[in-house]
Each structure stands twice: as C-alpha cells, then as structure tokens.
Amino acid sequence: MQTRCQKQNRDVQKVEREVGRLLGQNTRAAGLFEIEVKADQNGFAKLTWKKITEHQDWATLSAGCYLLRSNVTEWSDEDLWKAYIQLTEAEAAFRIHKSDLSIRPIWHQKEDRVLAHILVCFLAYVLWKTLAAMCQQAGLGDEPRRVLSELSDIRLMDVVLPTKAGIDLRTRCISKPTEHQQILLDHLGLRLPSKIKHTEM
C-alpha cells in the first residue's frame, strides 16, 4: 500500500479507509503497527508506518498456549496432535465441497442414490486433492483454486458440419489454451487432446 501511494496519485481519505478496513480485519495485529496517512506537498496520500516493538513483545508473551486434553494415555504428543489436526482437515473438506466444488445438499429418497451421491462427492474431493498434490510437486503451491480458475476458460465444444445428404458430421473438440494456460499445463505435466472421440452407449 505504501508503494502504491508512492507510484500513484492516491486520495488521502480513500487510503485512510483502506487502512482502517485492513486493521479492522486484523484486530490482533493492528496494535503492532503505527500507521500514518497524510497529504504530501501535492495533496496526494503519503503513507508511513513502523512496528511497535514494545507491543510486539507483549503480544508474544500474552499469546498463551494451545492445550489438548485427552483420555488416551498410550499415544505420544505428536500422535495426539496429528489426530486432532484430522478434524480441521475434515472441516476443510466440507468447506471445499460447498465452495470450490459447489456440491450442495441434494435430498434423495433411496439408499442407492444416497450412496451414489456420496461416491460422486468423494471422487470430486479425491480429484481436488490429487490436483493439489500435482500443484505442490510442480512448485505452484498446494491450493488448486487459482489453477482451476485459470484453466476454467478452456471449453469443450461440438463442431457440426451439415452435408448435402442430410447427415451431420459431428466432432468434439477442445479450445486451444492460451500461452499462460499452456505454461500451467506444462508445469503440471498435462496435455489436452485435440479432439475427443464420442462413443455411443
């Protein structure tokens, strides 16, 4: 934000509102910094900030500790922590299903449909975690959200050519990725087919 103020002619009040919004979203860290926004000689915003070391030392001492209580005595501390972390991973999985995978509750009446729906959700999550592992191995982080967002513009389309005999020639093609999309695909070791063979069931 300070660099933006240096490179751009920004309004003082607008920068103050942005700073206030940022501090409001991070209330615990807000007291660790002293931030001043004022107008320079041309009337544009100038932002200066510094760390408050005394408050930082107090925040470190007052942060407290995280305590886990369990009746399991034969596990080590590391085993207990790993078991507890699985809860957060399960919660994250539910969030991914609702937000990124957009899988909403569907009310089924038959047991086989319930099981089928659970299977679809499970396979979608497995694909998500597989892509996350591929991104991490390729040095793209461990969150595939941005990769999926970048590749979401790639389209599958049917090209239909009518003939004089009245029979349509149909082929299924994939749109050509952009240069940036192709770089992502190369990093992930993925190759898009030029066309897909349509098989009648």
N, C-alpha and C. Protein backbone atom coordinates (compact mmCIF):
# COMPACT_ATOMS: atom_id res chain seq x y z
N MET A 1 0.83 -1.19 0.00
CA MET A 1 0.00 0.00 0.00
C MET A 1 0.87 1.26 0.00
N GLN A 2 1.97 1.19 0.73
CA GLN A 2 2.90 2.32 0.74
C GLN A 2 3.51 2.53 -0.65
N THR A 3 3.86 1.43 -1.31
CA THR A 3 4.43 1.52 -2.66
C THR A 3 3.41 2.08 -3.64
N ARG A 4 2.15 1.68 -3.51
CA ARG A 4 1.10 2.19 -4.39
C ARG A 4 0.95 3.70 -4.23
N CYS A 5 1.05 4.18 -2.99
CA CYS A 5 0.95 5.62 -2.75
C CYS A 5 2.13 6.36 -3.37
N GLN A 6 3.29 5.70 -3.40
CA GLN A 6 4.47 6.34 -3.98
C GLN A 6 4.39 6.40 -5.50
N LYS A 7 3.77 5.37 -6.11
CA LYS A 7 3.72 5.29 -7.56
C LYS A 7 2.47 5.95 -8.16
N GLN A 8 1.41 6.05 -7.36
CA GLN A 8 0.16 6.58 -7.87
C GLN A 8 -0.25 7.81 -7.08
N ASN A 9 -1.03 8.66 -7.71
CA ASN A 9 -1.58 9.83 -7.03
C ASN A 9 -2.91 9.44 -6.38
N ARG A 10 -2.84 9.03 -5.11
CA ARG A 10 -4.00 8.47 -4.44
C ARG A 10 -4.62 9.47 -3.48
N ASP A 11 -5.94 9.36 -3.31
CA ASP A 11 -6.68 10.24 -2.43
C ASP A 11 -6.41 9.86 -0.97
N VAL A 12 -6.23 10.86 -0.11
CA VAL A 12 -5.88 10.62 1.28
C VAL A 12 -7.00 9.87 2.00
N GLN A 13 -8.23 10.34 1.84
CA GLN A 13 -9.34 9.70 2.55
C GLN A 13 -9.57 8.26 2.09
N LYS A 14 -9.36 8.00 0.82
CA LYS A 14 -9.54 6.64 0.32
C LYS A 14 -8.50 5.71 0.92
N VAL A 15 -7.26 6.17 1.02
CA VAL A 15 -6.21 5.35 1.62
C VAL A 15 -6.49 5.12 3.10
N GLU A 16 -6.98 6.15 3.79
CA GLU A 16 -7.32 6.01 5.21
C GLU A 16 -8.40 4.95 5.41
N ARG A 17 -9.40 4.94 4.52
CA ARG A 17 -10.45 3.94 4.63
C ARG A 17 -9.90 2.53 4.39
N GLU A 18 -8.98 2.40 3.42
CA GLU A 18 -8.38 1.10 3.16
C GLU A 18 -7.56 0.62 4.35
N VAL A 19 -6.82 1.53 4.98
CA VAL A 19 -6.03 1.17 6.15
C VAL A 19 -6.95 0.75 7.29
N GLY A 20 -8.03 1.52 7.50
CA GLY A 20 -8.98 1.18 8.55
C GLY A 20 -9.63 -0.16 8.33
N ARG A 21 -9.97 -0.47 7.08
CA ARG A 21 -10.58 -1.75 6.76
C ARG A 21 -9.59 -2.89 7.01
N LEU A 22 -8.33 -2.68 6.64
CA LEU A 22 -7.30 -3.70 6.83
C LEU A 22 -7.06 -3.96 8.31
N LEU A 23 -6.99 -2.89 9.09
CA LEU A 23 -6.77 -3.06 10.53
C LEU A 23 -7.99 -3.68 11.20
N GLY A 24 -9.18 -3.37 10.70
CA GLY A 24 -10.39 -3.96 11.26
C GLY A 24 -10.47 -5.45 11.02
N GLN A 25 -9.91 -5.92 9.92
CA GLN A 25 -9.90 -7.35 9.61
C GLN A 25 -8.81 -8.09 10.37
N ASN A 26 -7.85 -7.37 10.91
CA ASN A 26 -6.73 -7.98 11.64
C ASN A 26 -6.54 -7.24 12.97
N THR A 27 -7.54 -7.37 13.83
CA THR A 27 -7.55 -6.57 15.06
C THR A 27 -6.37 -6.90 15.98
N ARG A 28 -5.98 -8.16 16.04
CA ARG A 28 -4.89 -8.53 16.94
C ARG A 28 -3.56 -7.94 16.47
N ALA A 29 -3.36 -7.86 15.18
CA ALA A 29 -2.11 -7.32 14.65
C ALA A 29 -2.15 -5.79 14.54
N ALA A 30 -3.34 -5.20 14.67
CA ALA A 30 -3.45 -3.75 14.46
C ALA A 30 -2.61 -2.97 15.46
N GLY A 31 -2.53 -3.47 16.70
CA GLY A 31 -1.76 -2.74 17.71
C GLY A 31 -0.27 -2.87 17.57
N LEU A 32 0.19 -3.70 16.64
CA LEU A 32 1.63 -3.90 16.48
C LEU A 32 2.26 -2.88 15.55
N PHE A 33 1.43 -2.04 14.90
CA PHE A 33 1.96 -1.11 13.91
C PHE A 33 1.43 0.30 14.17
N GLU A 34 2.25 1.26 13.87
CA GLU A 34 1.85 2.67 13.91
C GLU A 34 1.82 3.18 12.46
N ILE A 35 0.64 3.51 12.00
CA ILE A 35 0.44 3.88 10.59
C ILE A 35 -0.07 5.32 10.52
N GLU A 36 0.51 6.08 9.64
CA GLU A 36 0.11 7.48 9.46
C GLU A 36 -0.11 7.75 7.98
N VAL A 37 -1.26 8.33 7.67
CA VAL A 37 -1.60 8.72 6.30
C VAL A 37 -1.81 10.22 6.29
N LYS A 38 -1.03 10.93 5.49
CA LYS A 38 -1.17 12.38 5.39
C LYS A 38 -0.92 12.81 3.96
N ALA A 39 -1.24 14.04 3.67
CA ALA A 39 -1.08 14.57 2.31
C ALA A 39 0.35 15.07 2.11
N ASP A 40 0.89 14.80 0.93
CA ASP A 40 2.21 15.32 0.60
C ASP A 40 2.07 16.75 0.07
N GLN A 41 3.14 17.29 -0.47
CA GLN A 41 3.12 18.68 -0.92
C GLN A 41 2.19 18.91 -2.10
N ASN A 42 1.84 17.82 -2.81
CA ASN A 42 0.91 17.94 -3.94
C ASN A 42 -0.52 17.59 -3.55
N GLY A 43 -0.74 17.23 -2.30
CA GLY A 43 -2.09 16.92 -1.84
C GLY A 43 -2.48 15.47 -1.98
N PHE A 44 -1.53 14.64 -2.38
CA PHE A 44 -1.83 13.22 -2.54
C PHE A 44 -1.39 12.45 -1.29
N ALA A 45 -1.89 11.23 -1.18
CA ALA A 45 -1.67 10.43 0.03
C ALA A 45 -0.22 9.99 0.15
N LYS A 46 0.29 10.10 1.36
CA LYS A 46 1.62 9.60 1.70
C LYS A 46 1.47 8.73 2.94
N LEU A 47 1.88 7.47 2.86
CA LEU A 47 1.70 6.53 3.95
C LEU A 47 3.05 6.18 4.56
N THR A 48 3.13 6.26 5.87
CA THR A 48 4.32 5.84 6.59
C THR A 48 3.89 4.91 7.72
N TRP A 49 4.73 3.95 8.04
CA TRP A 49 4.40 3.00 9.10
C TRP A 49 5.67 2.51 9.77
N LYS A 50 5.49 2.02 11.00
CA LYS A 50 6.62 1.41 11.72
C LYS A 50 6.06 0.41 12.73
N LYS A 51 6.89 -0.54 13.12
CA LYS A 51 6.50 -1.53 14.10
C LYS A 51 6.67 -0.98 15.51
N ILE A 52 5.76 -1.36 16.39
CA ILE A 52 5.85 -1.00 17.80
C ILE A 52 6.44 -2.21 18.53
N THR A 53 7.72 -2.17 18.77
CA THR A 53 8.41 -3.34 19.32
C THR A 53 7.93 -3.68 20.72
N GLU A 54 7.61 -2.66 21.55
CA GLU A 54 7.15 -2.94 22.90
C GLU A 54 5.85 -3.73 22.87
N HIS A 55 4.95 -3.34 22.02
CA HIS A 55 3.66 -4.03 21.92
C HIS A 55 3.85 -5.44 21.34
N GLN A 56 4.82 -5.59 20.43
CA GLN A 56 5.08 -6.90 19.84
C GLN A 56 5.58 -7.89 20.90
N ASP A 57 6.46 -7.44 21.80
CA ASP A 57 6.93 -8.30 22.88
C ASP A 57 5.79 -8.70 23.79
N TRP A 58 4.90 -7.74 24.10
CA TRP A 58 3.76 -8.05 24.97
C TRP A 58 2.81 -9.03 24.30
N ALA A 59 2.59 -8.85 22.98
CA ALA A 59 1.70 -9.75 22.25
C ALA A 59 2.24 -11.18 22.23
N THR A 60 3.57 -11.30 22.13
CA THR A 60 4.18 -12.62 22.13
C THR A 60 4.01 -13.31 23.48
N LEU A 61 4.20 -12.55 24.56
CA LEU A 61 4.08 -13.12 25.90
C LEU A 61 2.63 -13.43 26.27
N SER A 62 1.70 -12.65 25.74
CA SER A 62 0.28 -12.83 26.11
C SER A 62 -0.47 -13.75 25.17
N ALA A 63 0.22 -14.29 24.17
CA ALA A 63 -0.46 -15.14 23.19
C ALA A 63 -0.99 -16.42 23.81
N GLY A 64 -0.35 -16.87 24.91
CA GLY A 64 -0.82 -18.09 25.58
C GLY A 64 -0.36 -19.34 24.86
N CYS A 65 -1.01 -20.46 25.17
CA CYS A 65 -0.63 -21.72 24.58
C CYS A 65 -1.90 -22.49 24.21
N TYR A 66 -1.73 -23.51 23.38
CA TYR A 66 -2.83 -24.34 22.92
C TYR A 66 -2.79 -25.65 23.70
N LEU A 67 -3.87 -25.98 24.39
CA LEU A 67 -3.90 -27.15 25.26
C LEU A 67 -4.90 -28.17 24.74
N LEU A 68 -4.42 -29.39 24.57
CA LEU A 68 -5.28 -30.51 24.19
C LEU A 68 -5.40 -31.46 25.37
N ARG A 69 -6.63 -31.81 25.71
CA ARG A 69 -6.86 -32.73 26.82
C ARG A 69 -7.48 -34.01 26.28
N SER A 70 -6.93 -35.14 26.67
CA SER A 70 -7.41 -36.41 26.14
C SER A 70 -7.29 -37.49 27.21
N ASN A 71 -8.18 -38.50 27.10
CA ASN A 71 -8.09 -39.65 28.00
C ASN A 71 -7.28 -40.78 27.40
N VAL A 72 -6.68 -40.55 26.22
CA VAL A 72 -5.82 -41.54 25.59
C VAL A 72 -4.41 -41.36 26.15
N THR A 73 -3.93 -42.35 26.85
CA THR A 73 -2.63 -42.23 27.53
C THR A 73 -1.49 -42.90 26.79
N GLU A 74 -1.81 -43.82 25.87
CA GLU A 74 -0.74 -44.57 25.22
C GLU A 74 -0.19 -43.87 23.97
N TRP A 75 -0.80 -42.76 23.57
CA TRP A 75 -0.31 -42.03 22.40
C TRP A 75 0.74 -41.01 22.81
N SER A 76 1.63 -40.73 21.86
CA SER A 76 2.61 -39.67 22.09
C SER A 76 1.96 -38.31 21.80
N ASP A 77 2.66 -37.24 22.18
CA ASP A 77 2.14 -35.89 21.93
C ASP A 77 1.93 -35.66 20.44
N GLU A 78 2.87 -36.16 19.65
CA GLU A 78 2.77 -35.97 18.21
C GLU A 78 1.57 -36.72 17.63
N ASP A 79 1.30 -37.93 18.13
CA ASP A 79 0.16 -38.70 17.65
C ASP A 79 -1.15 -38.02 18.00
N LEU A 80 -1.24 -37.46 19.21
CA LEU A 80 -2.45 -36.74 19.62
C LEU A 80 -2.69 -35.52 18.74
N TRP A 81 -1.62 -34.80 18.45
CA TRP A 81 -1.76 -33.60 17.63
C TRP A 81 -2.20 -33.96 16.21
N LYS A 82 -1.61 -35.01 15.65
CA LYS A 82 -1.99 -35.43 14.29
C LYS A 82 -3.46 -35.85 14.25
N ALA A 83 -3.92 -36.56 15.29
CA ALA A 83 -5.32 -36.98 15.33
C ALA A 83 -6.24 -35.77 15.42
N TYR A 84 -5.83 -34.76 16.18
CA TYR A 84 -6.66 -33.55 16.31
C TYR A 84 -6.70 -32.77 15.00
N ILE A 85 -5.56 -32.72 14.32
CA ILE A 85 -5.48 -31.98 13.06
C ILE A 85 -6.41 -32.60 12.02
N GLN A 86 -6.66 -33.90 12.11
CA GLN A 86 -7.57 -34.54 11.17
C GLN A 86 -8.96 -33.91 11.21
N LEU A 87 -9.36 -33.39 12.37
CA LEU A 87 -10.65 -32.71 12.48
C LEU A 87 -10.67 -31.46 11.61
N THR A 88 -9.60 -30.67 11.66
CA THR A 88 -9.56 -29.47 10.83
C THR A 88 -9.53 -29.82 9.35
N GLU A 89 -8.86 -30.94 9.01
CA GLU A 89 -8.83 -31.37 7.62
C GLU A 89 -10.22 -31.79 7.15
N ALA A 90 -10.98 -32.45 8.04
CA ALA A 90 -12.34 -32.83 7.68
C ALA A 90 -13.22 -31.60 7.49
N GLU A 91 -13.06 -30.59 8.36
CA GLU A 91 -13.82 -29.35 8.21
C GLU A 91 -13.44 -28.65 6.91
N ALA A 92 -12.15 -28.66 6.57
CA ALA A 92 -11.71 -28.04 5.31
C ALA A 92 -12.30 -28.77 4.11
N ALA A 93 -12.42 -30.10 4.23
CA ALA A 93 -13.01 -30.87 3.13
C ALA A 93 -14.46 -30.48 2.90
N PHE A 94 -15.21 -30.28 3.99
CA PHE A 94 -16.61 -29.85 3.85
C PHE A 94 -16.69 -28.46 3.21
N ARG A 95 -15.78 -27.56 3.60
CA ARG A 95 -15.79 -26.22 3.01
C ARG A 95 -15.48 -26.28 1.52
N ILE A 96 -14.53 -27.13 1.12
CA ILE A 96 -14.18 -27.26 -0.29
C ILE A 96 -15.37 -27.80 -1.07
N HIS A 97 -16.09 -28.78 -0.50
CA HIS A 97 -17.25 -29.32 -1.19
C HIS A 97 -18.31 -28.25 -1.42
N LYS A 98 -18.51 -27.38 -0.43
CA LYS A 98 -19.57 -26.37 -0.53
C LYS A 98 -19.16 -25.21 -1.42
N SER A 99 -17.90 -24.76 -1.32
CA SER A 99 -17.47 -23.56 -2.04
C SER A 99 -16.86 -23.88 -3.39
N ASP A 100 -15.70 -24.52 -3.39
CA ASP A 100 -14.96 -24.73 -4.64
C ASP A 100 -15.63 -25.74 -5.55
N LEU A 101 -16.10 -26.86 -4.99
CA LEU A 101 -16.73 -27.89 -5.82
C LEU A 101 -18.21 -27.62 -6.04
N SER A 102 -18.77 -26.65 -5.30
CA SER A 102 -20.19 -26.25 -5.45
C SER A 102 -21.13 -27.44 -5.34
N ILE A 103 -20.84 -28.37 -4.44
CA ILE A 103 -21.71 -29.52 -4.21
C ILE A 103 -22.65 -29.18 -3.05
N ARG A 104 -23.92 -28.99 -3.37
CA ARG A 104 -24.91 -28.61 -2.38
C ARG A 104 -25.74 -29.83 -1.97
N PRO A 105 -26.41 -29.72 -0.81
CA PRO A 105 -27.24 -30.86 -0.38
C PRO A 105 -28.32 -31.21 -1.41
N ILE A 106 -28.45 -32.48 -1.69
CA ILE A 106 -29.49 -32.99 -2.59
C ILE A 106 -30.23 -34.07 -1.82
N TRP A 107 -31.54 -33.92 -1.73
CA TRP A 107 -32.32 -34.85 -0.91
C TRP A 107 -32.74 -36.05 -1.75
N HIS A 108 -32.25 -37.22 -1.35
CA HIS A 108 -32.57 -38.47 -2.04
C HIS A 108 -33.53 -39.29 -1.18
N GLN A 109 -34.32 -40.12 -1.85
CA GLN A 109 -35.29 -40.97 -1.16
C GLN A 109 -34.84 -42.43 -1.07
N LYS A 110 -33.91 -42.81 -1.93
CA LYS A 110 -33.48 -44.21 -1.98
C LYS A 110 -32.02 -44.33 -1.54
N GLU A 111 -31.73 -45.46 -0.90
CA GLU A 111 -30.39 -45.66 -0.35
C GLU A 111 -29.33 -45.69 -1.43
N ASP A 112 -29.62 -46.33 -2.57
CA ASP A 112 -28.60 -46.43 -3.62
C ASP A 112 -28.26 -45.05 -4.19
N ARG A 113 -29.25 -44.15 -4.23
CA ARG A 113 -28.97 -42.80 -4.72
C ARG A 113 -28.15 -42.01 -3.70
N VAL A 114 -28.41 -42.23 -2.44
CA VAL A 114 -27.60 -41.58 -1.40
C VAL A 114 -26.15 -42.03 -1.51
N LEU A 115 -25.94 -43.33 -1.66
CA LEU A 115 -24.58 -43.87 -1.78
C LEU A 115 -23.90 -43.36 -3.05
N ALA A 116 -24.66 -43.26 -4.13
CA ALA A 116 -24.10 -42.76 -5.39
C ALA A 116 -23.69 -41.29 -5.24
N HIS A 117 -24.50 -40.51 -4.54
CA HIS A 117 -24.18 -39.10 -4.33
C HIS A 117 -22.93 -38.95 -3.47
N ILE A 118 -22.82 -39.78 -2.44
CA ILE A 118 -21.62 -39.75 -1.60
C ILE A 118 -20.39 -40.13 -2.41
N LEU A 119 -20.54 -41.10 -3.31
CA LEU A 119 -19.41 -41.52 -4.15
C LEU A 119 -18.95 -40.38 -5.06
N VAL A 120 -19.92 -39.66 -5.66
CA VAL A 120 -19.57 -38.54 -6.54
C VAL A 120 -18.82 -37.46 -5.75
N CYS A 121 -19.31 -37.15 -4.55
CA CYS A 121 -18.65 -36.15 -3.71
C CYS A 121 -17.24 -36.60 -3.34
N PHE A 122 -17.10 -37.87 -2.99
CA PHE A 122 -15.79 -38.40 -2.61
C PHE A 122 -14.81 -38.35 -3.79
N LEU A 123 -15.26 -38.76 -4.98
CA LEU A 123 -14.39 -38.74 -6.15
C LEU A 123 -13.98 -37.30 -6.51
N ALA A 124 -14.93 -36.37 -6.37
CA ALA A 124 -14.60 -34.97 -6.65
C ALA A 124 -13.52 -34.47 -5.69
N TYR A 125 -13.64 -34.86 -4.42
CA TYR A 125 -12.64 -34.42 -3.44
C TYR A 125 -11.29 -35.09 -3.69
N VAL A 126 -11.31 -36.35 -4.11
CA VAL A 126 -10.06 -37.04 -4.44
C VAL A 126 -9.36 -36.34 -5.61
N LEU A 127 -10.12 -35.95 -6.62
CA LEU A 127 -9.54 -35.23 -7.75
C LEU A 127 -8.97 -33.89 -7.31
N TRP A 128 -9.68 -33.23 -6.40
CA TRP A 128 -9.20 -31.94 -5.86
C TRP A 128 -7.87 -32.12 -5.15
N LYS A 129 -7.77 -33.12 -4.27
CA LYS A 129 -6.53 -33.36 -3.54
C LYS A 129 -5.42 -33.83 -4.45
N THR A 130 -5.77 -34.58 -5.50
CA THR A 130 -4.76 -35.03 -6.47
C THR A 130 -4.17 -33.83 -7.21
N LEU A 131 -5.04 -32.91 -7.64
CA LEU A 131 -4.57 -31.71 -8.31
C LEU A 131 -3.73 -30.86 -7.37
N ALA A 132 -4.12 -30.80 -6.08
CA ALA A 132 -3.33 -30.05 -5.10
C ALA A 132 -1.93 -30.65 -4.97
N ALA A 133 -1.83 -31.97 -4.95
CA ALA A 133 -0.52 -32.62 -4.87
C ALA A 133 0.30 -32.36 -6.13
N MET A 134 -0.35 -32.36 -7.29
CA MET A 134 0.36 -32.07 -8.53
C MET A 134 0.86 -30.63 -8.54
N CYS A 135 0.05 -29.70 -8.04
CA CYS A 135 0.47 -28.30 -7.98
C CYS A 135 1.67 -28.13 -7.05
N GLN A 136 1.63 -28.82 -5.91
CA GLN A 136 2.74 -28.72 -4.96
C GLN A 136 4.01 -29.30 -5.55
N GLN A 137 3.90 -30.41 -6.27
CA GLN A 137 5.07 -31.03 -6.88
C GLN A 137 5.64 -30.15 -7.99
N ALA A 138 4.77 -29.40 -8.67
CA ALA A 138 5.21 -28.53 -9.76
C ALA A 138 5.66 -27.16 -9.28
N GLY A 139 5.62 -26.94 -7.96
CA GLY A 139 6.03 -25.65 -7.42
C GLY A 139 4.99 -24.57 -7.57
N LEU A 140 3.71 -24.95 -7.64
CA LEU A 140 2.62 -23.99 -7.82
C LEU A 140 1.80 -23.82 -6.55
N GLY A 141 2.36 -24.20 -5.39
CA GLY A 141 1.61 -24.14 -4.15
C GLY A 141 0.79 -25.41 -3.96
N ASP A 142 0.00 -25.44 -2.90
CA ASP A 142 -0.81 -26.63 -2.62
C ASP A 142 -2.31 -26.34 -2.70
N GLU A 143 -2.70 -25.19 -3.26
CA GLU A 143 -4.11 -24.86 -3.42
C GLU A 143 -4.43 -24.76 -4.91
N PRO A 144 -5.24 -25.66 -5.44
CA PRO A 144 -5.52 -25.65 -6.89
C PRO A 144 -6.56 -24.63 -7.32
N ARG A 145 -7.03 -23.77 -6.40
CA ARG A 145 -8.09 -22.83 -6.77
C ARG A 145 -7.67 -21.95 -7.94
N ARG A 146 -6.48 -21.37 -7.86
CA ARG A 146 -6.04 -20.44 -8.91
C ARG A 146 -5.82 -21.17 -10.22
N VAL A 147 -5.28 -22.39 -10.14
CA VAL A 147 -5.06 -23.17 -11.36
C VAL A 147 -6.39 -23.47 -12.05
N LEU A 148 -7.38 -23.90 -11.26
CA LEU A 148 -8.70 -24.18 -11.83
C LEU A 148 -9.32 -22.91 -12.40
N SER A 149 -9.10 -21.78 -11.74
CA SER A 149 -9.65 -20.52 -12.24
C SER A 149 -9.01 -20.15 -13.58
N GLU A 150 -7.70 -20.37 -13.68
CA GLU A 150 -7.01 -20.04 -14.93
C GLU A 150 -7.43 -20.97 -16.07
N LEU A 151 -7.66 -22.25 -15.74
CA LEU A 151 -7.99 -23.23 -16.78
C LEU A 151 -9.48 -23.33 -17.06
N SER A 152 -10.30 -22.58 -16.31
CA SER A 152 -11.75 -22.70 -16.47
C SER A 152 -12.24 -22.15 -17.81
N ASP A 153 -11.43 -21.33 -18.48
CA ASP A 153 -11.84 -20.78 -19.78
C ASP A 153 -11.69 -21.78 -20.92
N ILE A 154 -11.01 -22.89 -20.67
CA ILE A 154 -10.88 -23.92 -21.70
C ILE A 154 -12.23 -24.60 -21.87
N ARG A 155 -12.70 -24.69 -23.11
CA ARG A 155 -14.04 -25.16 -23.39
C ARG A 155 -14.04 -26.44 -24.22
N LEU A 156 -15.04 -27.26 -23.96
CA LEU A 156 -15.31 -28.45 -24.78
C LEU A 156 -16.48 -28.11 -25.69
N MET A 157 -16.31 -28.31 -26.98
CA MET A 157 -17.34 -27.88 -27.94
C MET A 157 -17.56 -28.94 -29.00
N ASP A 158 -18.78 -28.95 -29.53
CA ASP A 158 -19.14 -29.83 -30.63
C ASP A 158 -19.18 -29.03 -31.93
N VAL A 159 -18.42 -29.48 -32.92
CA VAL A 159 -18.42 -28.85 -34.24
C VAL A 159 -19.29 -29.71 -35.16
N VAL A 160 -20.34 -29.10 -35.71
CA VAL A 160 -21.31 -29.82 -36.54
C VAL A 160 -21.24 -29.28 -37.97
N LEU A 161 -21.00 -30.19 -38.93
CA LEU A 161 -20.94 -29.81 -40.35
C LEU A 161 -22.07 -30.52 -41.09
N PRO A 162 -23.05 -29.78 -41.58
CA PRO A 162 -24.13 -30.42 -42.35
C PRO A 162 -23.65 -30.81 -43.75
N THR A 163 -24.20 -31.87 -44.29
CA THR A 163 -23.86 -32.34 -45.63
C THR A 163 -25.10 -32.31 -46.52
N LYS A 164 -24.87 -32.42 -47.82
CA LYS A 164 -26.00 -32.41 -48.76
C LYS A 164 -26.89 -33.63 -48.58
N ALA A 165 -26.31 -34.71 -48.09
CA ALA A 165 -27.10 -35.93 -47.88
C ALA A 165 -28.01 -35.83 -46.66
N GLY A 166 -27.91 -34.74 -45.92
CA GLY A 166 -28.74 -34.56 -44.75
C GLY A 166 -28.17 -35.15 -43.49
N ILE A 167 -26.96 -35.66 -43.57
CA ILE A 167 -26.30 -36.25 -42.40
C ILE A 167 -25.30 -35.23 -41.84
N ASP A 168 -25.37 -34.98 -40.56
CA ASP A 168 -24.44 -34.05 -39.92
C ASP A 168 -23.17 -34.77 -39.49
N LEU A 169 -22.04 -34.16 -39.84
CA LEU A 169 -20.75 -34.65 -39.36
C LEU A 169 -20.44 -33.93 -38.06
N ARG A 170 -20.28 -34.68 -37.01
CA ARG A 170 -20.09 -34.09 -35.68
C ARG A 170 -18.76 -34.55 -35.09
N THR A 171 -18.01 -33.59 -34.56
CA THR A 171 -16.77 -33.91 -33.87
C THR A 171 -16.67 -33.05 -32.62
N ARG A 172 -16.11 -33.59 -31.59
CA ARG A 172 -15.99 -32.90 -30.29
C ARG A 172 -14.55 -32.43 -30.12
N CYS A 173 -14.38 -31.12 -29.94
CA CYS A 173 -13.04 -30.52 -29.86
C CYS A 173 -12.87 -29.76 -28.55
N ILE A 174 -11.62 -29.46 -28.23
CA ILE A 174 -11.27 -28.68 -27.05
C ILE A 174 -10.62 -27.39 -27.52
N SER A 175 -11.04 -26.27 -26.93
CA SER A 175 -10.48 -24.98 -27.33
C SER A 175 -8.98 -24.93 -27.03
N LYS A 176 -8.25 -24.21 -27.84
CA LYS A 176 -6.80 -24.10 -27.69
C LYS A 176 -6.47 -23.25 -26.48
N PRO A 177 -5.62 -23.73 -25.57
CA PRO A 177 -5.28 -22.94 -24.38
C PRO A 177 -4.44 -21.72 -24.75
N THR A 178 -4.55 -20.69 -23.93
CA THR A 178 -3.73 -19.51 -24.11
C THR A 178 -2.28 -19.83 -23.73
N GLU A 179 -1.41 -18.87 -23.98
CA GLU A 179 0.01 -19.10 -23.66
C GLU A 179 0.21 -19.33 -22.17
N HIS A 180 -0.51 -18.56 -21.34
CA HIS A 180 -0.39 -18.72 -19.89
C HIS A 180 -0.97 -20.06 -19.44
N GLN A 181 -2.10 -20.45 -20.01
CA GLN A 181 -2.69 -21.74 -19.67
C GLN A 181 -1.78 -22.90 -20.08
N GLN A 182 -1.13 -22.76 -21.22
CA GLN A 182 -0.24 -23.82 -21.68
C GLN A 182 0.97 -23.97 -20.76
N ILE A 183 1.44 -22.86 -20.20
CA ILE A 183 2.56 -22.91 -19.26
C ILE A 183 2.14 -23.70 -18.00
N LEU A 184 0.92 -23.43 -17.52
CA LEU A 184 0.41 -24.17 -16.36
C LEU A 184 0.29 -25.66 -16.67
N LEU A 185 -0.24 -25.97 -17.85
CA LEU A 185 -0.39 -27.38 -18.23
C LEU A 185 0.96 -28.07 -18.33
N ASP A 186 1.96 -27.36 -18.87
CA ASP A 186 3.30 -27.94 -18.99
C ASP A 186 3.91 -28.21 -17.61
N HIS A 187 3.71 -27.27 -16.68
CA HIS A 187 4.22 -27.47 -15.33
C HIS A 187 3.57 -28.66 -14.65
N LEU A 188 2.28 -28.85 -14.92
CA LEU A 188 1.55 -29.96 -14.31
C LEU A 188 1.75 -31.28 -15.05
N GLY A 189 2.40 -31.22 -16.22
CA GLY A 189 2.60 -32.43 -17.00
C GLY A 189 1.34 -32.93 -17.66
N LEU A 190 0.43 -32.02 -18.00
CA LEU A 190 -0.85 -32.39 -18.62
C LEU A 190 -0.86 -31.99 -20.08
N ARG A 191 -1.49 -32.79 -20.90
CA ARG A 191 -1.61 -32.49 -22.33
C ARG A 191 -3.07 -32.66 -22.74
N LEU A 192 -3.62 -31.63 -23.35
CA LEU A 192 -5.01 -31.69 -23.79
C LEU A 192 -5.10 -32.37 -25.14
N PRO A 193 -6.06 -33.24 -25.33
CA PRO A 193 -6.25 -33.86 -26.65
C PRO A 193 -6.84 -32.84 -27.62
N SER A 194 -6.54 -33.00 -28.89
CA SER A 194 -7.08 -32.07 -29.90
C SER A 194 -8.56 -32.30 -30.12
N LYS A 195 -9.01 -33.53 -29.99
CA LYS A 195 -10.43 -33.83 -30.10
C LYS A 195 -10.74 -35.09 -29.30
N ILE A 196 -12.02 -35.26 -29.00
CA ILE A 196 -12.47 -36.39 -28.19
C ILE A 196 -13.38 -37.27 -29.01
N LYS A 197 -13.12 -38.55 -28.96
CA LYS A 197 -13.95 -39.49 -29.70
C LYS A 197 -15.24 -39.73 -28.93
N HIS A 198 -16.36 -39.52 -29.60
CA HIS A 198 -17.66 -39.70 -28.99
C HIS A 198 -18.13 -41.12 -29.19
N THR A 199 -18.40 -41.79 -28.07
CA THR A 199 -18.84 -43.19 -28.12
C THR A 199 -20.29 -43.29 -27.71
N GLU A 200 -21.08 -43.90 -28.54
CA GLU A 200 -22.50 -44.10 -28.23
C GLU A 200 -22.62 -45.24 -27.21
N MET A 201 -23.40 -45.01 -26.15
CA MET A 201 -23.61 -46.04 -25.13
C MET A 201 -24.77 -46.96 -25.55
